[in-house]
Protein backbone atom coordinates (compact mmCIF):
# COMPACT_ATOMS: atom_id res chain seq x y z
CA MET A 1 -0.09 -0.10 -0.29
CA ALA A 2 2.06 3.42 -1.23
CA LYS A 3 1.22 6.04 1.39
CA ALA A 4 0.54 9.39 1.28
CA LYS A 5 2.98 12.29 1.25
CA ILE A 6 1.04 15.30 1.97
CA GLU A 7 2.01 17.87 3.80
CA PRO A 8 -0.86 18.74 6.43
CA GLU A 9 -2.20 22.94 6.55
CA ASP A 10 -0.92 23.66 10.20
CA ASN A 11 -4.47 24.38 11.79
CA GLY A 12 -3.29 24.72 14.69
CA MET A 13 -4.77 21.94 16.64
CA ALA A 14 -2.22 18.94 17.44
CA LEU A 15 -3.11 15.44 16.29
CA ASP A 16 -2.89 12.50 19.32
CA PRO A 17 0.56 10.56 17.51
CA LEU A 18 -1.76 7.76 17.56
CA ILE A 19 -4.25 9.40 14.65
CA ASP A 20 -1.37 10.98 13.07
CA ALA A 21 -0.12 7.04 12.78
CA LEU A 22 -2.91 5.96 11.07
CA LEU A 23 -3.70 8.97 9.00
CA GLU A 24 -0.13 7.78 7.64
CA HIS A 25 -0.93 4.47 7.21
CA LEU A 26 -3.97 5.95 4.45
CA PRO A 27 -2.52 5.39 0.88
CA ALA A 28 -2.02 8.21 -1.42
CA PRO A 29 -5.47 9.71 -3.47
CA GLY A 30 -6.88 7.85 -5.54
CA ASP A 31 -4.40 4.43 -5.11
CA TYR A 32 -5.72 0.96 -4.05
CA PHE A 33 -7.24 0.74 -1.51
CA PRO A 34 -9.39 -2.39 -0.74
CA LYS A 35 -12.95 -2.00 0.40
CA GLU A 36 -11.69 -5.05 3.40
CA ASP A 37 -8.65 -3.14 4.37
CA ARG A 38 -10.75 0.09 4.28
CA LYS A 39 -13.19 -2.29 6.95
CA ARG A 40 -10.49 -2.68 9.11
CA TRP A 41 -7.84 0.39 9.25
CA LEU A 42 -11.89 1.86 10.15
CA GLN A 43 -12.26 -0.37 12.68
CA ILE A 44 -8.74 0.54 14.14
CA LEU A 45 -9.12 4.17 14.11
CA GLU A 46 -12.84 3.55 16.00
CA MET A 47 -10.54 1.14 18.46
CA ALA A 48 -7.89 4.07 18.63
CA LEU A 49 -10.55 6.84 19.72
CA ASP A 50 -12.17 5.07 22.55
CA LEU A 51 -8.57 4.64 24.17
CA ILE A 52 -8.06 8.47 23.22
CA TYR A 53 -11.51 9.58 24.72
CA GLU A 54 -14.07 9.23 26.98
CA ASP A 55 -17.35 8.15 26.24
CA GLU A 56 -18.50 11.04 28.72
CA PRO A 57 -17.95 14.24 30.27
CA ARG A 58 -15.60 13.25 33.73
CA PRO A 59 -17.92 14.61 36.69
CA GLU A 60 -16.39 17.90 37.83
CA ALA A 61 -13.95 17.14 41.63
CA THR A 62 -15.99 18.33 44.83
CA ASP A 63 -14.44 19.00 48.04
CA GLU A 64 -17.06 16.35 49.59
CA PRO A 65 -16.85 12.98 49.29
CA HIS A 66 -18.11 10.93 46.79
CA GLY A 67 -19.45 14.01 45.57
CA GLY A 68 -22.61 14.75 47.41
CA THR A 69 -23.70 17.27 49.12
CA ALA A 70 -24.26 18.17 52.97
């Protein structure tokens, strides 16, 4: 699989190294990229997102034990 060497635009947004590495493994636009390989790549991306991001926001820290109020 040929790798695209396209310089990213500097939009001020830092990518997680895992996402950056996955993007580097995409073939160049117009290259052969079989459907099964695309599915596998998307599954890997989904797993990476699960590692990087929380599903729900973390509860705010409070001074009260167990987050309760007295």
